[in-house]
Amino acid sequence: MIELGQMKKHNKTIEELEKELAEMKEYHRSASNTYGSELCAGDMIRQEEELEKQIRKLKTEKLTILKGYEPLEPSDPPVVKTKLVVEPNTGL
């Protein structure tokens, strides 16, 4: 399992990645308004989606660590499906 101190990916926090995503979207919007169809919109969308996916993954990992749950699948969407890991009670 990932430790809380390992939540930074590429030395960036979730907040830094969200700021980067907002700046990227603003830049793409501005470039699109300026250059229009000369740009490759598909590549801009792909870049944004990859960063959004990375942010969702980090948020899921953080939620998993903080709540003590394990995700059912590493690729679970932001609405995390979880299972509670329960140790058997051997004191009875």
PDB file of N, CA and C in Angstrom:
ATOM      1  N   MET A   1       0.846  -1.177   0.000  1.00  0.00           N
ATOM      2  CA  MET A   1       0.000   0.000   0.000  1.00  0.00           C
ATOM      3  C   MET A   1       0.890   1.239   0.000  1.00  0.00           C
ATOM      4  N   ILE A   2       0.408   2.317  -0.542  1.00  0.00           N
ATOM      5  CA  ILE A   2       1.153   3.568  -0.648  1.00  0.00           C
ATOM      6  C   ILE A   2       1.078   4.312   0.675  1.00  0.00           C
ATOM      7  N   GLU A   3       2.199   4.822   1.134  1.00  0.00           N
ATOM      8  CA  GLU A   3       2.240   5.623   2.344  1.00  0.00           C
ATOM      9  C   GLU A   3       1.795   7.046   2.027  1.00  0.00           C
ATOM     10  N   LEU A   4       1.263   7.749   3.013  1.00  0.00           N
ATOM     11  CA  LEU A   4       0.774   9.103   2.804  1.00  0.00           C
ATOM     12  C   LEU A   4       1.879  10.020   2.304  1.00  0.00           C
ATOM     13  N   GLY A   5       3.103   9.838   2.759  1.00  0.00           N
ATOM     14  CA  GLY A   5       4.222  10.658   2.326  1.00  0.00           C
ATOM     15  C   GLY A   5       4.586  10.451   0.870  1.00  0.00           C
ATOM     16  N   GLN A   6       4.079   9.397   0.252  1.00  0.00           N
ATOM     17  CA  GLN A   6       4.377   9.103  -1.144  1.00  0.00           C
ATOM     18  C   GLN A   6       3.306   9.645  -2.085  1.00  0.00           C
ATOM     19  N   MET A   7       2.419  10.504  -1.590  1.00  0.00           N
ATOM     20  CA  MET A   7       1.316  10.995  -2.407  1.00  0.00           C
ATOM     21  C   MET A   7       1.777  11.920  -3.524  1.00  0.00           C
ATOM     22  N   LYS A   8       2.963  12.492  -3.410  1.00  0.00           N
ATOM     23  CA  LYS A   8       3.444  13.389  -4.457  1.00  0.00           C
ATOM     24  C   LYS A   8       3.911  12.561  -5.642  1.00  0.00           C
ATOM     25  N   LYS A   9       3.456  12.903  -6.803  1.00  0.00           N
ATOM     26  CA  LYS A   9       3.892  12.275  -8.043  1.00  0.00           C
ATOM     27  C   LYS A   9       4.687  13.303  -8.804  1.00  0.00           C
ATOM     28  N   HIS A  10       5.859  12.920  -9.249  1.00  0.00           N
ATOM     29  CA  HIS A  10       6.720  13.849  -9.967  1.00  0.00           C
ATOM     30  C   HIS A  10       6.954  15.099  -9.121  1.00  0.00           C
ATOM     31  N   ASN A  11       7.019  14.917  -7.794  1.00  0.00           N
ATOM     32  CA  ASN A  11       7.261  16.004  -6.848  1.00  0.00           C
ATOM     33  C   ASN A  11       6.203  17.097  -6.902  1.00  0.00           C
ATOM     34  N   LYS A  12       4.998  16.776  -7.295  1.00  0.00           N
ATOM     35  CA  LYS A  12       3.912  17.754  -7.316  1.00  0.00           C
ATOM     36  C   LYS A  12       2.759  17.243  -6.459  1.00  0.00           C
ATOM     37  N   THR A  13       2.172  18.160  -5.701  1.00  0.00           N
ATOM     38  CA  THR A  13       1.018  17.800  -4.891  1.00  0.00           C
ATOM     39  C   THR A  13      -0.234  17.814  -5.762  1.00  0.00           C
ATOM     40  N   ILE A  14      -1.327  17.312  -5.209  1.00  0.00           N
ATOM     41  CA  ILE A  14      -2.608  17.324  -5.916  1.00  0.00           C
ATOM     42  C   ILE A  14      -2.991  18.768  -6.243  1.00  0.00           C
ATOM     43  N   GLU A  15      -2.792  19.662  -5.288  1.00  0.00           N
ATOM     44  CA  GLU A  15      -3.139  21.068  -5.493  1.00  0.00           C
ATOM     45  C   GLU A  15      -2.312  21.681  -6.626  1.00  0.00           C
ATOM     46  N   GLU A  16      -1.032  21.340  -6.676  1.00  0.00           N
ATOM     47  CA  GLU A  16      -0.174  21.852  -7.748  1.00  0.00           C
ATOM     48  C   GLU A  16      -0.614  21.319  -9.110  1.00  0.00           C
ATOM     49  N   LEU A  17      -1.006  20.043  -9.152  1.00  0.00           N
ATOM     50  CA  LEU A  17      -1.480  19.462 -10.404  1.00  0.00           C
ATOM     51  C   LEU A  17      -2.800  20.096 -10.842  1.00  0.00           C
ATOM     52  N   GLU A  18      -3.692  20.375  -9.876  1.00  0.00           N
ATOM     53  CA  GLU A  18      -4.957  21.032 -10.217  1.00  0.00           C
ATOM     54  C   GLU A  18      -4.709  22.437 -10.763  1.00  0.00           C
ATOM     55  N   LYS A  19      -3.751  23.155 -10.172  1.00  0.00           N
ATOM     56  CA  LYS A  19      -3.399  24.484 -10.672  1.00  0.00           C
ATOM     57  C   LYS A  19      -2.818  24.377 -12.079  1.00  0.00           C
ATOM     58  N   GLU A  20      -1.947  23.385 -12.280  1.00  0.00           N
ATOM     59  CA  GLU A  20      -1.360  23.162 -13.605  1.00  0.00           C
ATOM     60  C   GLU A  20      -2.444  22.864 -14.639  1.00  0.00           C
ATOM     61  N   LEU A  21      -3.440  22.061 -14.259  1.00  0.00           N
ATOM     62  CA  LEU A  21      -4.539  21.731 -15.161  1.00  0.00           C
ATOM     63  C   LEU A  21      -5.338  22.987 -15.522  1.00  0.00           C
ATOM     64  N   ALA A  22      -5.634  23.814 -14.531  1.00  0.00           N
ATOM     65  CA  ALA A  22      -6.390  25.045 -14.794  1.00  0.00           C
ATOM     66  C   ALA A  22      -5.611  25.959 -15.739  1.00  0.00           C
ATOM     67  N   GLU A  23      -4.307  26.075 -15.507  1.00  0.00           N
ATOM     68  CA  GLU A  23      -3.471  26.910 -16.376  1.00  0.00           C
ATOM     69  C   GLU A  23      -3.395  26.325 -17.790  1.00  0.00           C
ATOM     70  N   MET A  24      -3.303  24.993 -17.875  1.00  0.00           N
ATOM     71  CA  MET A  24      -3.249  24.335 -19.177  1.00  0.00           C
ATOM     72  C   MET A  24      -4.539  24.591 -19.949  1.00  0.00           C
ATOM     73  N   LYS A  25      -5.684  24.449 -19.277  1.00  0.00           N
ATOM     74  CA  LYS A  25      -6.969  24.662 -19.940  1.00  0.00           C
ATOM     75  C   LYS A  25      -7.102  26.109 -20.410  1.00  0.00           C
ATOM     76  N   GLU A  26      -6.668  27.044 -19.587  1.00  0.00           N
ATOM     77  CA  GLU A  26      -6.732  28.461 -19.972  1.00  0.00           C
ATOM     78  C   GLU A  26      -5.830  28.721 -21.179  1.00  0.00           C
ATOM     79  N   TYR A  27      -4.641  28.160 -21.174  1.00  0.00           N
ATOM     80  CA  TYR A  27      -3.720  28.324 -22.301  1.00  0.00           C
ATOM     81  C   TYR A  27      -4.317  27.730 -23.580  1.00  0.00           C
ATOM     82  N   HIS A  28      -4.886  26.521 -23.454  1.00  0.00           N
ATOM     83  CA  HIS A  28      -5.485  25.863 -24.620  1.00  0.00           C
ATOM     84  C   HIS A  28      -6.669  26.681 -25.159  1.00  0.00           C
ATOM     85  N   ARG A  29      -7.476  27.225 -24.248  1.00  0.00           N
ATOM     86  CA  ARG A  29      -8.615  28.059 -24.661  1.00  0.00           C
ATOM     87  C   ARG A  29      -8.126  29.306 -25.400  1.00  0.00           C
ATOM     88  N   SER A  30      -7.102  29.935 -24.849  1.00  0.00           N
ATOM     89  CA  SER A  30      -6.547  31.140 -25.460  1.00  0.00           C
ATOM     90  C   SER A  30      -5.940  30.841 -26.830  1.00  0.00           C
ATOM     91  N   ALA A  31      -5.174  29.746 -26.904  1.00  0.00           N
ATOM     92  CA  ALA A  31      -4.553  29.364 -28.173  1.00  0.00           C
ATOM     93  C   ALA A  31      -5.612  29.018 -29.214  1.00  0.00           C
ATOM     94  N   SER A  32      -6.665  28.354 -28.780  1.00  0.00           N
ATOM     95  CA  SER A  32      -7.744  27.989 -29.694  1.00  0.00           C
ATOM     96  C   SER A  32      -8.443  29.228 -30.237  1.00  0.00           C
ATOM     97  N   ASN A  33      -8.671  30.213 -29.364  1.00  0.00           N
ATOM     98  CA  ASN A  33      -9.300  31.461 -29.801  1.00  0.00           C
ATOM     99  C   ASN A  33      -8.405  32.222 -30.780  1.00  0.00           C
ATOM    100  N   THR A  34      -7.088  32.131 -30.578  1.00  0.00           N
ATOM    101  CA  THR A  34      -6.142  32.861 -31.425  1.00  0.00           C
ATOM    102  C   THR A  34      -5.902  32.165 -32.754  1.00  0.00           C
ATOM    103  N   TYR A  35      -5.651  30.848 -32.687  1.00  0.00           N
ATOM    104  CA  TYR A  35      -5.213  30.130 -33.884  1.00  0.00           C
ATOM    105  C   TYR A  35      -6.285  29.247 -34.511  1.00  0.00           C
ATOM    106  N   GLY A  36      -7.350  28.983 -33.779  1.00  0.00           N
ATOM    107  CA  GLY A  36      -8.473  28.224 -34.317  1.00  0.00           C
ATOM    108  C   GLY A  36      -8.110  26.852 -34.837  1.00  0.00           C
ATOM    109  N   SER A  37      -8.518  26.570 -36.052  1.00  0.00           N
ATOM    110  CA  SER A  37      -8.380  25.231 -36.622  1.00  0.00           C
ATOM    111  C   SER A  37      -6.948  24.850 -36.969  1.00  0.00           C
ATOM    112  N   GLU A  38      -6.009  25.773 -36.829  1.00  0.00           N
ATOM    113  CA  GLU A  38      -4.614  25.440 -37.103  1.00  0.00           C
ATOM    114  C   GLU A  38      -4.025  24.563 -36.001  1.00  0.00           C
ATOM    115  N   LEU A  39      -4.691  24.486 -34.867  1.00  0.00           N
ATOM    116  CA  LEU A  39      -4.201  23.692 -33.738  1.00  0.00           C
ATOM    117  C   LEU A  39      -4.735  22.271 -33.789  1.00  0.00           C
ATOM    118  N   CYS A  40      -4.043  21.394 -33.102  1.00  0.00           N
ATOM    119  CA  CYS A  40      -4.499  20.012 -32.972  1.00  0.00           C
ATOM    120  C   CYS A  40      -5.302  19.905 -31.674  1.00  0.00           C
ATOM    121  N   ALA A  41      -6.599  20.094 -31.770  1.00  0.00           N
ATOM    122  CA  ALA A  41      -7.455  20.085 -30.583  1.00  0.00           C
ATOM    123  C   ALA A  41      -7.419  18.729 -29.882  1.00  0.00           C
ATOM    124  N   GLY A  42      -7.292  17.669 -30.660  1.00  0.00           N
ATOM    125  CA  GLY A  42      -7.257  16.326 -30.073  1.00  0.00           C
ATOM    126  C   GLY A  42      -6.101  16.150 -29.107  1.00  0.00           C
ATOM    127  N   ASP A  43      -4.942  16.698 -29.452  1.00  0.00           N
ATOM    128  CA  ASP A  43      -3.775  16.585 -28.582  1.00  0.00           C
ATOM    129  C   ASP A  43      -3.979  17.407 -27.311  1.00  0.00           C
ATOM    130  N   MET A  44      -4.573  18.589 -27.434  1.00  0.00           N
ATOM    131  CA  MET A  44      -4.825  19.415 -26.252  1.00  0.00           C
ATOM    132  C   MET A  44      -5.796  18.706 -25.312  1.00  0.00           C
ATOM    133  N   ILE A  45      -6.834  18.125 -25.866  1.00  0.00           N
ATOM    134  CA  ILE A  45      -7.814  17.401 -25.052  1.00  0.00           C
ATOM    135  C   ILE A  45      -7.155  16.208 -24.379  1.00  0.00           C
ATOM    136  N   ARG A  46      -6.314  15.480 -25.118  1.00  0.00           N
ATOM    137  CA  ARG A  46      -5.610  14.321 -24.556  1.00  0.00           C
ATOM    138  C   ARG A  46      -4.727  14.732 -23.376  1.00  0.00           C
ATOM    139  N   GLN A  47      -3.999  15.837 -23.514  1.00  0.00           N
ATOM    140  CA  GLN A  47      -3.135  16.316 -22.428  1.00  0.00           C
ATOM    141  C   GLN A  47      -3.957  16.637 -21.183  1.00  0.00           C
ATOM    142  N   GLU A  48      -5.074  17.311 -21.382  1.00  0.00           N
ATOM    143  CA  GLU A  48      -5.944  17.664 -20.259  1.00  0.00           C
ATOM    144  C   GLU A  48      -6.509  16.405 -19.598  1.00  0.00           C
ATOM    145  N   GLU A  49      -6.957  15.460 -20.406  1.00  0.00           N
ATOM    146  CA  GLU A  49      -7.532  14.226 -19.858  1.00  0.00           C
ATOM    147  C   GLU A  49      -6.501  13.410 -19.090  1.00  0.00           C
ATOM    148  N   GLU A  50      -5.260  13.370 -19.579  1.00  0.00           N
ATOM    149  CA  GLU A  50      -4.203  12.633 -18.878  1.00  0.00           C
ATOM    150  C   GLU A  50      -3.926  13.252 -17.512  1.00  0.00           C
ATOM    151  N   LEU A  51      -3.875  14.574 -17.453  1.00  0.00           N
ATOM    152  CA  LEU A  51      -3.630  15.253 -16.183  1.00  0.00           C
ATOM    153  C   LEU A  51      -4.822  15.070 -15.245  1.00  0.00           C
ATOM    154  N   GLU A  52      -6.047  15.147 -15.772  1.00  0.00           N
ATOM    155  CA  GLU A  52      -7.237  14.906 -14.955  1.00  0.00           C
ATOM    156  C   GLU A  52      -7.224  13.490 -14.388  1.00  0.00           C
ATOM    157  N   LYS A  53      -6.816  12.526 -15.195  1.00  0.00           N
ATOM    158  CA  LYS A  53      -6.747  11.128 -14.755  1.00  0.00           C
ATOM    159  C   LYS A  53      -5.713  10.975 -13.641  1.00  0.00           C
ATOM    160  N   GLN A  54      -4.578  11.633 -13.777  1.00  0.00           N
ATOM    161  CA  GLN A  54      -3.533  11.568 -12.757  1.00  0.00           C
ATOM    162  C   GLN A  54      -4.037  12.173 -11.443  1.00  0.00           C
ATOM    163  N   ILE A  55      -4.754  13.278 -11.522  1.00  0.00           N
ATOM    164  CA  ILE A  55      -5.296  13.921 -10.326  1.00  0.00           C
ATOM    165  C   ILE A  55      -6.331  13.010  -9.656  1.00  0.00           C
ATOM    166  N   ARG A  56      -7.234  12.422 -10.454  1.00  0.00           N
ATOM    167  CA  ARG A  56      -8.240  11.491  -9.890  1.00  0.00           C
ATOM    168  C   ARG A  56      -7.560  10.321  -9.192  1.00  0.00           C
ATOM    169  N   LYS A  57      -6.506   9.794  -9.807  1.00  0.00           N
ATOM    170  CA  LYS A  57      -5.790   8.653  -9.227  1.00  0.00           C
ATOM    171  C   LYS A  57      -5.172   9.039  -7.888  1.00  0.00           C
ATOM    172  N   LEU A  58      -4.541  10.194  -7.825  1.00  0.00           N
ATOM    173  CA  LEU A  58      -3.935  10.637  -6.567  1.00  0.00           C
ATOM    174  C   LEU A  58      -4.986  10.869  -5.490  1.00  0.00           C
ATOM    175  N   LYS A  59      -6.119  11.455  -5.870  1.00  0.00           N
ATOM    176  CA  LYS A  59      -7.194  11.678  -4.905  1.00  0.00           C
ATOM    177  C   LYS A  59      -7.748  10.348  -4.390  1.00  0.00           C
ATOM    178  N   THR A  60      -7.874   9.385  -5.271  1.00  0.00           N
ATOM    179  CA  THR A  60      -8.356   8.056  -4.873  1.00  0.00           C
ATOM    180  C   THR A  60      -7.370   7.404  -3.918  1.00  0.00           C
ATOM    181  N   GLU A  61      -6.076   7.505  -4.220  1.00  0.00           N
ATOM    182  CA  GLU A  61      -5.055   6.935  -3.340  1.00  0.00           C
ATOM    183  C   GLU A  61      -5.081   7.614  -1.977  1.00  0.00           C
ATOM    184  N   LYS A  62      -5.242   8.932  -1.969  1.00  0.00           N
ATOM    185  CA  LYS A  62      -5.281   9.671  -0.705  1.00  0.00           C
ATOM    186  C   LYS A  62      -6.492   9.259   0.115  1.00  0.00           C
ATOM    187  N   LEU A  63      -7.659   9.162  -0.524  1.00  0.00           N
ATOM    188  CA  LEU A  63      -8.873   8.734   0.163  1.00  0.00           C
ATOM    189  C   LEU A  63      -8.691   7.326   0.722  1.00  0.00           C
ATOM    190  N   THR A  64      -8.075   6.471  -0.064  1.00  0.00           N
ATOM    191  CA  THR A  64      -7.835   5.094   0.355  1.00  0.00           C
ATOM    192  C   THR A  64      -6.980   5.054   1.610  1.00  0.00           C
ATOM    193  N   ILE A  65      -5.936   5.853   1.632  1.00  0.00           N
ATOM    194  CA  ILE A  65      -5.028   5.874   2.783  1.00  0.00           C
ATOM    195  C   ILE A  65      -5.717   6.471   4.000  1.00  0.00           C
ATOM    196  N   LEU A  66      -6.384   7.598   3.811  1.00  0.00           N
ATOM    197  CA  LEU A  66      -6.993   8.299   4.940  1.00  0.00           C
ATOM    198  C   LEU A  66      -8.149   7.528   5.555  1.00  0.00           C
ATOM    199  N   LYS A  67      -8.900   6.802   4.764  1.00  0.00           N
ATOM    200  CA  LYS A  67     -10.059   6.069   5.277  1.00  0.00           C
ATOM    201  C   LYS A  67      -9.726   4.618   5.631  1.00  0.00           C
ATOM    202  N   GLY A  68      -8.549   4.147   5.240  1.00  0.00           N
ATOM    203  CA  GLY A  68      -8.169   2.782   5.564  1.00  0.00           C
ATOM    204  C   GLY A  68      -8.851   1.740   4.708  1.00  0.00           C
ATOM    205  N   TYR A  69      -9.247   2.107   3.519  1.00  0.00           N
ATOM    206  CA  TYR A  69      -9.886   1.185   2.594  1.00  0.00           C
ATOM    207  C   TYR A  69      -8.913   0.804   1.486  1.00  0.00           C
ATOM    208  N   GLU A  70      -9.217  -0.282   0.840  1.00  0.00           N
ATOM    209  CA  GLU A  70      -8.469  -0.690  -0.339  1.00  0.00           C
ATOM    210  C   GLU A  70      -9.393  -0.595  -1.543  1.00  0.00           C
ATOM    211  N   PRO A  71      -8.966   0.066  -2.638  1.00  0.00           N
ATOM    212  CA  PRO A  71      -9.819   0.109  -3.831  1.00  0.00           C
ATOM    213  C   PRO A  71     -10.008  -1.291  -4.398  1.00  0.00           C
ATOM    214  N   LEU A  72     -11.169  -1.538  -4.951  1.00  0.00           N
ATOM    215  CA  LEU A  72     -11.395  -2.840  -5.579  1.00  0.00           C
ATOM    216  C   LEU A  72     -10.509  -2.991  -6.810  1.00  0.00           C
ATOM    217  N   GLU A  73     -10.350  -1.935  -7.557  1.00  0.00           N
ATOM    218  CA  GLU A  73      -9.519  -1.931  -8.761  1.00  0.00           C
ATOM    219  C   GLU A  73      -8.698  -0.652  -8.771  1.00  0.00           C
ATOM    220  N   PRO A  74      -7.434  -0.718  -9.215  1.00  0.00           N
ATOM    221  CA  PRO A  74      -6.621   0.505  -9.273  1.00  0.00           C
ATOM    222  C   PRO A  74      -7.208   1.551 -10.207  1.00  0.00           C
ATOM    223  N   SER A  75      -8.002   1.138 -11.171  1.00  0.00           N
ATOM    224  CA  SER A  75      -8.539   2.067 -12.156  1.00  0.00           C
ATOM    225  C   SER A  75      -9.939   2.562 -11.802  1.00  0.00           C
ATOM    226  N   ASP A  76     -10.379   2.344 -10.554  1.00  0.00           N
ATOM    227  CA  ASP A  76     -11.709   2.798 -10.166  1.00  0.00           C
ATOM    228  C   ASP A  76     -11.858   4.298 -10.397  1.00  0.00           C
ATOM    229  N   PRO A  77     -13.031   4.737 -10.823  1.00  0.00           N
ATOM    230  CA  PRO A  77     -13.275   6.161 -11.087  1.00  0.00           C
ATOM    231  C   PRO A  77     -13.276   6.974  -9.800  1.00  0.00           C
ATOM    232  N   PRO A  78     -13.421   8.314  -9.895  1.00  0.00           N
ATOM    233  CA  PRO A  78     -13.388   9.164  -8.713  1.00  0.00           C
ATOM    234  C   PRO A  78     -14.396   8.783  -7.639  1.00  0.00           C
ATOM    235  N   VAL A  79     -15.551   8.258  -8.035  1.00  0.00           N
ATOM    236  CA  VAL A  79     -16.485   7.733  -7.051  1.00  0.00           C
ATOM    237  C   VAL A  79     -15.960   6.348  -6.718  1.00  0.00           C
ATOM    238  N   VAL A  80     -15.224   6.290  -5.649  1.00  0.00           N
ATOM    239  CA  VAL A  80     -14.440   5.103  -5.341  1.00  0.00           C
ATOM    240  C   VAL A  80     -15.320   3.998  -4.785  1.00  0.00           C
ATOM    241  N   LYS A  81     -15.228   2.846  -5.411  1.00  0.00           N
ATOM    242  CA  LYS A  81     -15.854   1.648  -4.873  1.00  0.00           C
ATOM    243  C   LYS A  81     -14.804   1.036  -3.965  1.00  0.00           C
ATOM    244  N   THR A  82     -15.175   0.769  -2.721  1.00  0.00           N
ATOM    245  CA  THR A  82     -14.178   0.266  -1.785  1.00  0.00           C
ATOM    246  C   THR A  82     -14.694  -0.956  -1.063  1.00  0.00           C
ATOM    247  N   LYS A  83     -13.761  -1.670  -0.513  1.00  0.00           N
ATOM    248  CA  LYS A  83     -14.119  -2.772   0.367  1.00  0.00           C
ATOM    249  C   LYS A  83     -13.385  -2.552   1.675  1.00  0.00           C
ATOM    250  N   LEU A  84     -13.999  -2.864   2.766  1.00  0.00           N
ATOM    251  CA  LEU A  84     -13.399  -2.700   4.069  1.00  0.00           C
ATOM    252  C   LEU A  84     -12.658  -4.002   4.391  1.00  0.00           C
ATOM    253  N   VAL A  85     -11.425  -3.877   4.766  1.00  0.00           N
ATOM    254  CA  VAL A  85     -10.634  -5.035   5.143  1.00  0.00           C
ATOM    255  C   VAL A  85     -10.819  -5.231   6.646  1.00  0.00           C
ATOM    256  N   VAL A  86     -11.403  -6.371   7.032  1.00  0.00           N
ATOM    257  CA  VAL A  86     -11.701  -6.627   8.436  1.00  0.00           C
ATOM    258  C   VAL A  86     -10.929  -7.866   8.877  1.00  0.00           C
ATOM    259  N   GLU A  87     -10.210  -7.701   9.966  1.00  0.00           N
ATOM    260  CA  GLU A  87      -9.489  -8.837  10.534  1.00  0.00           C
ATOM    261  C   GLU A  87     -10.466  -9.668  11.363  1.00  0.00           C
ATOM    262  N   PRO A  88     -10.338 -10.995  11.311  1.00  0.00           N
ATOM    263  CA  PRO A  88     -11.247 -11.823  12.103  1.00  0.00           C
ATOM    264  C   PRO A  88     -11.026 -11.607  13.601  1.00  0.00           C
ATOM    265  N   ASN A  89     -12.096 -11.657  14.354  1.00  0.00           N
ATOM    266  CA  ASN A  89     -12.021 -11.479  15.792  1.00  0.00           C
ATOM    267  C   ASN A  89     -11.683 -12.823  16.410  1.00  0.00           C
ATOM    268  N   THR A  90     -10.475 -12.957  16.925  1.00  0.00           N
ATOM    269  CA  THR A  90     -10.036 -14.236  17.493  1.00  0.00           C
ATOM    270  C   THR A  90     -10.114 -14.218  19.015  1.00  0.00           C
ATOM    271  N   GLY A  91     -10.636 -13.132  19.598  1.00  0.00           N
ATOM    272  CA  GLY A  91     -10.706 -13.012  21.052  1.00  0.00           C
ATOM    273  C   GLY A  91     -11.905 -13.668  21.683  1.00  0.00           C
ATOM    274  N   LEU A  92     -12.743 -14.350  20.915  1.00  0.00           N
ATOM    275  CA  LEU A  92     -13.947 -14.966  21.490  1.00  0.00           C
ATOM    276  C   LEU A  92     -13.762 -16.422  21.750  1.00  0.00           C
TER     277      LEU A  92
END
